[in-house]
N, C-alpha and C. Protein backbone atom coordinates (compact mmCIF):
# COMPACT_ATOMS: atom_id res chain seq x y z
N UNK A 1 203.62 144.14 15.63
CA UNK A 1 202.49 144.40 16.20
C UNK A 1 201.43 145.02 15.34
N UNK A 2 200.85 145.12 14.68
CA UNK A 2 200.45 146.71 13.57
C UNK A 2 199.60 147.85 14.42
N UNK A 3 199.20 148.71 13.96
CA UNK A 3 198.89 149.89 14.27
C UNK A 3 197.83 149.97 14.05
N UNK A 4 196.71 149.65 15.68
CA UNK A 4 195.61 150.26 14.82
C UNK A 4 194.76 151.42 15.57
N UNK A 5 194.12 151.93 14.63
CA UNK A 5 193.40 152.89 15.25
C UNK A 5 191.79 153.07 15.79
N UNK A 6 191.33 152.34 14.62
CA UNK A 6 189.93 151.85 14.94
C UNK A 6 189.45 150.94 16.25
N UNK A 7 188.27 151.26 16.79
CA UNK A 7 187.76 149.52 17.37
C UNK A 7 186.70 148.88 16.36
N UNK A 8 186.96 147.91 16.70
CA UNK A 8 186.30 146.74 15.78
C UNK A 8 184.87 146.72 16.32
N UNK A 9 183.91 146.59 15.94
CA UNK A 9 182.64 146.59 16.04
C UNK A 9 182.37 144.82 16.72
N UNK A 10 181.56 144.40 17.39
CA UNK A 10 181.35 142.81 17.49
C UNK A 10 180.16 142.65 16.88
N UNK A 11 180.24 141.44 16.79
CA UNK A 11 179.19 140.90 16.14
C UNK A 11 177.73 140.99 16.34
N UNK A 12 177.76 141.13 17.45
CA UNK A 12 176.62 140.97 18.84
C UNK A 12 175.96 142.42 18.63
N UNK A 13 176.60 143.30 18.19
CA UNK A 13 176.44 145.22 18.24
C UNK A 13 175.96 145.00 16.93
N UNK A 14 176.70 144.53 15.67
CA UNK A 14 175.75 144.48 14.54
C UNK A 14 174.78 143.92 13.96
N UNK A 15 174.33 143.25 14.99
CA UNK A 15 172.94 142.22 14.85
C UNK A 15 172.22 143.05 15.64
N UNK A 16 172.47 144.11 16.71
CA UNK A 16 171.85 144.84 17.77
C UNK A 16 171.36 145.90 16.98
N UNK A 17 172.63 146.60 16.11
CA UNK A 17 171.74 147.20 15.36
C UNK A 17 170.89 147.27 13.66
N UNK A 18 171.57 146.66 13.34
CA UNK A 18 170.11 145.79 12.94
C UNK A 18 168.18 146.29 12.73
N UNK A 19 168.65 145.30 14.32
CA UNK A 19 167.28 144.83 14.80
C UNK A 19 166.66 146.68 15.19
N UNK A 20 167.52 147.14 15.34
CA UNK A 20 166.77 148.30 16.01
C UNK A 20 166.66 149.58 14.67
N UNK A 21 167.17 149.00 13.35
CA UNK A 21 167.11 149.33 12.29
C UNK A 21 165.58 149.43 12.01
N UNK A 22 165.45 147.93 11.56
CA UNK A 22 164.12 147.09 11.52
C UNK A 22 163.04 147.76 12.51
N UNK A 23 163.10 147.77 13.65
CA UNK A 23 162.10 148.12 14.81
C UNK A 23 161.48 149.65 14.27
N UNK A 24 163.07 150.33 13.98
CA UNK A 24 162.37 151.64 13.58
C UNK A 24 161.69 151.84 12.39
N UNK A 25 161.92 151.45 11.17
CA UNK A 25 161.32 151.26 9.73
C UNK A 25 159.64 150.71 9.92
N UNK A 26 159.63 149.85 11.45
CA UNK A 26 158.15 149.51 11.61
C UNK A 26 157.40 150.41 11.83
N UNK A 27 157.63 150.88 12.82
CA UNK A 27 157.33 152.17 13.50
C UNK A 27 157.29 152.99 12.48
N UNK A 28 158.21 153.46 11.77
CA UNK A 28 157.28 154.76 11.21
C UNK A 28 156.54 154.76 9.87
N UNK A 29 156.66 153.56 9.50
CA UNK A 29 155.48 152.61 8.64
C UNK A 29 154.24 152.46 9.91
N UNK A 30 154.25 152.40 10.22
CA UNK A 30 152.62 152.04 11.14
C UNK A 30 152.28 153.14 11.45
N UNK A 31 152.84 154.16 11.83
CA UNK A 31 152.45 155.68 12.34
C UNK A 31 152.14 156.45 10.93
N UNK A 32 152.93 156.04 9.88
CA UNK A 32 152.53 156.90 8.72
C UNK A 32 151.25 156.38 7.90
N UNK A 33 151.24 154.83 8.18
CA UNK A 33 150.19 154.65 7.47
C UNK A 33 149.22 154.15 8.75
N UNK A 34 148.93 154.71 9.97
CA UNK A 34 148.05 153.95 10.42
C UNK A 34 147.72 152.67 10.95
N UNK A 35 149.06 151.86 10.48
CA UNK A 35 148.82 150.81 11.05
C UNK A 35 148.01 150.19 9.93
N UNK A 36 147.44 150.27 9.27
CA UNK A 36 147.23 149.59 8.03
C UNK A 36 147.49 148.68 7.24
N UNK A 37 148.53 148.51 7.09
CA UNK A 37 149.45 147.41 6.32
C UNK A 37 149.75 146.36 7.35
N UNK A 38 150.36 146.39 8.27
CA UNK A 38 150.39 145.09 9.89
C UNK A 38 149.12 144.96 9.97
N UNK A 39 147.32 145.27 9.71
CA UNK A 39 146.17 144.63 10.15
C UNK A 39 145.79 143.60 8.63
N UNK A 40 146.15 144.04 7.34
CA UNK A 40 146.23 142.67 6.44
C UNK A 40 147.14 141.45 6.87
N UNK A 41 147.64 141.60 7.34
CA UNK A 41 148.85 140.48 7.23
C UNK A 41 148.51 139.78 9.18
N UNK A 42 148.08 140.54 9.63
CA UNK A 42 147.81 140.56 11.30
C UNK A 42 146.41 139.40 10.80
N UNK A 43 145.29 140.08 10.66
CA UNK A 43 144.06 139.65 10.37
C UNK A 43 143.07 139.65 8.89
N UNK A 44 143.81 139.19 8.73
CA UNK A 44 143.79 138.81 6.57
C UNK A 44 142.04 138.47 6.46
N UNK A 45 141.82 139.54 5.30
CA UNK A 45 140.48 138.96 4.94
C UNK A 45 140.18 137.65 5.01
N UNK A 46 139.25 136.95 5.83
CA UNK A 46 138.00 136.17 5.54
C UNK A 46 137.12 135.66 4.56
N UNK A 47 136.81 136.06 3.72
CA UNK A 47 135.08 136.35 3.06
C UNK A 47 135.13 134.17 3.05
N UNK A 48 136.38 133.76 2.23
CA UNK A 48 136.21 132.89 1.38
C UNK A 48 136.16 131.68 2.30
N UNK A 49 136.86 131.42 3.57
CA UNK A 49 136.78 130.53 4.72
C UNK A 49 135.60 130.74 5.31
N UNK A 50 134.98 131.43 5.53
CA UNK A 50 134.20 132.06 6.10
C UNK A 50 132.80 131.79 5.32
N UNK A 51 132.49 131.72 4.29
CA UNK A 51 131.70 131.23 3.09
C UNK A 51 132.04 129.62 3.03
N UNK A 52 132.76 129.09 3.20
CA UNK A 52 132.98 127.92 3.04
C UNK A 52 132.81 127.06 4.71
N UNK A 53 132.64 127.83 5.59
CA UNK A 53 132.20 127.17 6.98
C UNK A 53 130.90 126.96 7.40
N UNK A 54 130.09 128.00 6.37
CA UNK A 54 128.73 128.11 6.64
C UNK A 54 128.37 127.14 5.79
N UNK A 55 128.10 127.04 4.93
CA UNK A 55 128.38 125.47 3.94
C UNK A 55 128.63 123.78 4.32
N UNK A 56 129.80 124.04 4.92
CA UNK A 56 130.04 123.52 5.55
C UNK A 56 128.95 122.78 6.49
N UNK A 57 128.28 123.79 7.06
CA UNK A 57 127.61 123.59 8.83
C UNK A 57 125.99 123.03 8.73
N UNK A 58 125.84 124.14 7.13
CA UNK A 58 124.81 123.61 6.07
C UNK A 58 124.61 122.25 5.68
N UNK A 59 125.79 121.52 4.48
CA UNK A 59 125.53 120.21 4.46
C UNK A 59 125.88 119.77 5.43
N UNK A 60 126.14 119.65 6.38
CA UNK A 60 125.88 118.58 7.39
C UNK A 60 125.47 118.61 8.46
N UNK A 61 123.81 119.41 8.55
CA UNK A 61 122.63 120.08 9.26
C UNK A 61 123.51 119.92 10.50
N UNK A 62 124.37 120.94 11.07
CA UNK A 62 124.68 121.45 11.91
C UNK A 62 124.17 122.79 12.60
N UNK A 63 123.32 122.60 13.19
CA UNK A 63 121.91 123.79 13.57
C UNK A 63 122.48 125.06 14.47
N UNK A 64 123.33 124.13 15.45
CA UNK A 64 123.61 125.45 16.15
C UNK A 64 125.13 125.88 15.62
N UNK A 65 125.85 125.40 14.94
CA UNK A 65 126.97 125.61 14.08
C UNK A 65 126.62 127.19 12.87
N UNK A 66 125.36 126.69 12.69
CA UNK A 66 124.56 127.48 11.50
C UNK A 66 124.48 128.45 11.91
N UNK A 67 123.34 127.93 12.83
CA UNK A 67 122.40 129.36 13.49
C UNK A 67 122.89 130.36 14.55
N UNK A 68 124.03 129.63 15.07
CA UNK A 68 124.08 130.73 16.72
C UNK A 68 125.66 130.42 16.64
N UNK A 69 126.59 129.71 16.50
CA UNK A 69 127.50 129.81 16.14
C UNK A 69 128.52 131.17 15.61
N UNK A 70 128.74 132.43 16.84
CA UNK A 70 129.54 133.48 15.98
C UNK A 70 131.03 133.14 15.11
N UNK A 71 130.71 133.96 14.11
CA UNK A 71 131.94 134.25 13.43
C UNK A 71 132.19 135.82 13.18
N UNK A 72 133.25 136.04 12.87
CA UNK A 72 133.76 137.20 12.72
C UNK A 72 134.18 137.53 10.99
N UNK A 73 133.17 137.92 9.90
CA UNK A 73 133.61 138.29 8.88
C UNK A 73 134.62 139.53 8.41
N UNK A 74 135.84 139.31 7.95
CA UNK A 74 136.75 140.38 7.93
C UNK A 74 136.88 140.90 6.27
N UNK A 75 136.86 142.10 6.04
CA UNK A 75 137.08 142.44 4.17
C UNK A 75 138.08 143.91 5.02
N UNK A 76 139.23 143.43 4.87
CA UNK A 76 140.53 144.41 5.29
C UNK A 76 140.11 145.51 3.53
N UNK A 77 139.85 145.54 2.42
CA UNK A 77 139.66 146.01 1.74
C UNK A 77 138.76 147.29 1.89
N UNK A 78 137.86 146.46 2.95
CA UNK A 78 137.06 147.62 2.69
C UNK A 78 136.51 148.53 4.20
N UNK A 79 137.39 147.80 4.84
CA UNK A 79 137.87 148.22 6.53
C UNK A 79 136.86 148.23 6.94
N UNK A 80 135.79 146.42 7.06
CA UNK A 80 134.70 146.29 7.12
C UNK A 80 134.79 144.42 8.31
N UNK A 81 134.02 144.54 9.30
CA UNK A 81 134.31 143.11 10.22
C UNK A 81 132.70 143.33 10.61
N UNK A 82 132.57 142.40 10.94
CA UNK A 82 131.11 142.14 11.16
C UNK A 82 131.43 140.75 11.98
N UNK A 83 130.58 140.49 13.93
CA UNK A 83 130.78 139.18 14.32
C UNK A 83 129.28 138.79 14.44
N UNK A 84 128.91 137.24 13.67
CA UNK A 84 127.62 137.16 14.10
C UNK A 84 127.07 135.29 13.41
N UNK A 85 125.80 134.87 13.31
CA UNK A 85 126.25 133.56 12.65
C UNK A 85 126.00 133.75 11.39
N UNK A 86 126.12 132.86 10.64
CA UNK A 86 126.15 132.25 9.24
C UNK A 86 124.95 132.42 8.92
N UNK A 87 123.30 132.38 9.92
CA UNK A 87 122.34 131.89 9.28
C UNK A 87 121.90 133.99 8.88
N UNK A 88 122.95 135.04 9.87
CA UNK A 88 122.38 136.31 9.62
C UNK A 88 123.39 136.95 8.65
N UNK A 89 124.31 136.15 8.33
CA UNK A 89 125.21 136.53 7.17
C UNK A 89 124.55 135.88 5.82
N UNK A 90 123.61 135.23 5.77
CA UNK A 90 123.16 134.82 4.55
C UNK A 90 121.98 135.43 4.35
N UNK A 91 121.37 136.13 5.64
CA UNK A 91 119.56 136.17 5.48
C UNK A 91 119.63 137.60 5.45
N UNK A 92 120.75 138.47 5.85
CA UNK A 92 120.17 139.87 5.99
C UNK A 92 120.52 140.41 4.55
N UNK A 93 119.75 141.58 4.04
CA UNK A 93 119.76 142.34 3.16
C UNK A 93 121.32 142.73 2.66
N UNK A 94 121.79 143.62 4.33
CA UNK A 94 122.81 144.40 3.72
C UNK A 94 124.40 142.88 3.65
N UNK A 95 124.31 141.85 4.24
CA UNK A 95 125.58 141.48 4.01
C UNK A 95 125.70 140.65 2.93
N UNK A 96 124.63 140.66 1.29
CA UNK A 96 124.17 139.50 0.25
C UNK A 96 125.45 139.96 -0.56
N UNK A 97 126.32 141.02 -0.63
CA UNK A 97 127.51 140.65 -1.35
C UNK A 97 128.34 139.88 -1.41
N UNK A 98 128.46 139.21 0.24
CA UNK A 98 129.31 138.37 0.64
C UNK A 98 129.09 136.57 -0.13
N UNK A 99 128.17 136.45 -0.44
CA UNK A 99 128.13 135.77 -1.28
C UNK A 99 127.48 134.60 -0.11
N UNK A 100 126.99 134.53 0.66
CA UNK A 100 126.83 133.49 1.53
C UNK A 100 125.47 132.79 1.75
N UNK A 101 125.57 132.03 1.22
CA UNK A 101 124.43 130.50 0.97
C UNK A 101 123.12 130.89 2.30
N UNK A 102 121.82 130.96 1.88
CA UNK A 102 121.04 130.62 3.05
C UNK A 102 120.63 128.39 2.83
N UNK A 103 120.32 128.30 4.50
CA UNK A 103 120.42 126.71 4.44
C UNK A 103 119.08 126.29 4.19
N UNK A 104 118.63 125.59 3.25
CA UNK A 104 116.96 125.35 3.74
C UNK A 104 116.92 124.33 4.28
N UNK A 105 117.80 123.20 4.36
CA UNK A 105 117.73 122.39 5.26
C UNK A 105 117.74 122.18 6.80
N UNK A 106 117.90 123.89 7.00
CA UNK A 106 117.51 123.88 8.20
C UNK A 106 117.33 124.85 8.86
N UNK A 107 116.14 125.16 9.29
CA UNK A 107 115.13 125.74 10.41
C UNK A 107 115.72 126.85 11.54
N UNK A 108 116.19 127.59 11.32
CA UNK A 108 116.85 128.50 12.78
C UNK A 108 116.08 128.85 13.92
N UNK A 109 114.48 128.94 12.99
CA UNK A 109 113.33 129.17 14.09
C UNK A 109 114.02 130.45 15.80
N UNK A 110 114.35 131.34 15.61
CA UNK A 110 115.13 132.25 16.52
C UNK A 110 113.89 133.03 16.51
N UNK A 111 114.03 133.47 18.35
CA UNK A 111 113.51 135.11 18.30
C UNK A 111 114.32 136.08 17.73
N UNK A 112 113.73 137.23 17.65
CA UNK A 112 114.30 138.63 17.14
C UNK A 112 115.14 138.46 18.20
N UNK A 113 115.22 138.80 19.22
CA UNK A 113 116.35 139.08 20.59
C UNK A 113 117.10 138.44 20.93
N UNK A 114 116.98 137.02 20.06
CA UNK A 114 118.26 136.20 20.55
C UNK A 114 119.75 136.13 19.10
N UNK A 115 118.88 137.29 18.12
CA UNK A 115 120.16 137.39 16.80
C UNK A 115 120.92 138.56 17.43
N UNK A 116 121.97 137.99 17.13
CA UNK A 116 122.93 139.01 17.82
C UNK A 116 124.30 139.59 16.32
N UNK A 117 124.05 140.89 16.42
CA UNK A 117 125.40 141.31 15.53
C UNK A 117 126.33 142.09 16.34
N UNK A 118 127.88 142.17 16.31
CA UNK A 118 128.75 142.82 16.67
C UNK A 118 128.46 142.82 18.07
N UNK A 119 127.82 141.45 18.47
CA UNK A 119 127.25 142.03 20.46
C UNK A 119 126.41 142.65 20.65
N UNK A 120 125.04 143.14 19.96
CA UNK A 120 123.80 143.52 19.75
C UNK A 120 122.98 143.08 19.87
N UNK A 121 121.79 143.10 20.54
CA UNK A 121 120.81 142.31 19.71
C UNK A 121 120.10 142.81 19.26
N UNK A 122 119.27 142.47 18.28
CA UNK A 122 118.31 142.88 17.63
C UNK A 122 117.10 143.33 18.22
N UNK A 123 115.99 143.97 17.91
CA UNK A 123 114.82 144.59 18.53
C UNK A 123 114.12 144.73 17.40
N UNK A 124 112.42 144.41 17.99
CA UNK A 124 111.17 144.29 17.25
C UNK A 124 110.86 145.84 16.72
N UNK A 125 110.64 146.48 15.69
CA UNK A 125 110.41 147.77 15.58
C UNK A 125 109.53 147.32 14.89
N UNK A 126 108.78 148.98 14.63
CA UNK A 126 107.65 149.62 13.25
C UNK A 126 107.98 149.21 12.11
N UNK A 127 107.80 148.93 11.31
CA UNK A 127 108.07 148.71 9.89
C UNK A 127 108.25 150.51 9.46
N UNK A 128 109.09 150.24 8.82
CA UNK A 128 110.18 151.24 8.16
C UNK A 128 111.34 152.33 8.90
N UNK A 129 111.21 151.69 10.53
CA UNK A 129 112.55 152.13 11.12
C UNK A 129 113.81 152.08 10.44
N UNK A 130 114.69 152.69 10.89
CA UNK A 130 115.90 152.79 10.27
C UNK A 130 116.43 151.88 10.76
N UNK A 131 117.52 151.53 10.06
CA UNK A 131 118.14 149.95 10.76
C UNK A 131 119.95 150.24 10.14
N UNK A 132 120.01 149.47 11.03
CA UNK A 132 121.76 149.65 10.37
C UNK A 132 121.40 147.83 9.55
N UNK A 133 121.03 146.60 10.32
CA UNK A 133 120.42 145.24 9.60
C UNK A 133 119.02 144.87 9.63
N UNK A 134 119.07 144.58 8.34
CA UNK A 134 117.28 144.04 8.95
C UNK A 134 117.65 142.95 9.04
N UNK A 135 117.03 141.69 10.16
CA UNK A 135 117.45 140.62 9.96
C UNK A 135 115.49 140.01 10.35
N UNK A 136 114.83 140.29 9.43
CA UNK A 136 113.16 140.11 9.80
C UNK A 136 113.07 138.68 9.40
N UNK A 137 114.11 138.37 7.97
CA UNK A 137 113.91 136.99 7.34
C UNK A 137 114.15 135.83 8.62
N UNK A 138 114.75 136.00 9.47
CA UNK A 138 115.39 134.86 10.36
C UNK A 138 114.17 134.91 11.55
N UNK A 139 113.79 136.11 11.53
CA UNK A 139 112.86 135.86 13.49
C UNK A 139 111.75 135.51 13.30
N UNK A 140 111.31 134.70 14.09
CA UNK A 140 109.52 134.61 14.17
C UNK A 140 108.68 135.47 15.10
N UNK A 141 107.55 135.20 14.79
CA UNK A 141 106.75 135.93 15.71
C UNK A 141 106.83 137.61 15.69
N UNK A 142 106.98 137.90 14.28
CA UNK A 142 107.32 139.52 14.40
C UNK A 142 105.81 139.87 14.58
N UNK A 143 105.06 139.99 13.88
CA UNK A 143 103.09 140.35 14.29
C UNK A 143 103.61 141.61 13.68
N UNK A 144 103.92 141.83 12.36
CA UNK A 144 103.40 142.99 11.84
C UNK A 144 104.83 144.01 12.16
N UNK A 145 105.93 143.43 12.92
CA UNK A 145 107.00 144.31 12.84
C UNK A 145 108.53 143.77 12.07
N UNK A 146 109.37 144.40 12.22
CA UNK A 146 110.83 144.12 11.74
C UNK A 146 111.29 143.65 12.73
N UNK A 147 112.20 142.91 12.77
CA UNK A 147 113.25 142.73 13.12
C UNK A 147 114.60 143.18 12.48
N UNK A 148 115.24 144.45 13.37
CA UNK A 148 116.26 145.36 12.62
C UNK A 148 117.21 145.50 14.23
N UNK A 149 118.62 145.56 13.58
CA UNK A 149 119.82 146.15 14.55
C UNK A 149 119.68 147.35 14.01
N UNK A 150 119.14 148.29 15.11
CA UNK A 150 118.88 149.81 15.07
C UNK A 150 120.68 150.45 14.43
N UNK A 151 120.13 151.38 13.47
CA UNK A 151 121.01 151.77 12.84
C UNK A 151 121.90 153.21 14.24
N UNK A 152 123.16 153.43 14.21
CA UNK A 152 123.91 153.95 15.72
C UNK A 152 123.68 155.53 15.07
């Protein structure tokens, strides 16, 4: 019999050590970067797919899908996310850089109070009021006022 001085490691022990090391690396990376590295993997930027979904809803004349259905637009590079409808994305001057096209085939006919952005309802305000988003182009019956999501 051979003289064995050390103890052999089982395969399960080696696998558990490797998994532990991977988890340790993930935790170190997560805490050092503020988890932004994983945010891009878990919920990627979806501008192109949102543009396509809105164009599809318009071309198929799906009024609810274009005017009311909520969509979340995410741009990880800018750390920006907004949850609203295609109509708001297409008509709000603050969101035009995402190139969501207006839909002339659909008349949304929304009241100011029914327009939502990030679960906040729009309000009627006097012209010149500071706002985060101006959605006046969508609202009906403005009576000389503007329809806005107020600045926080």
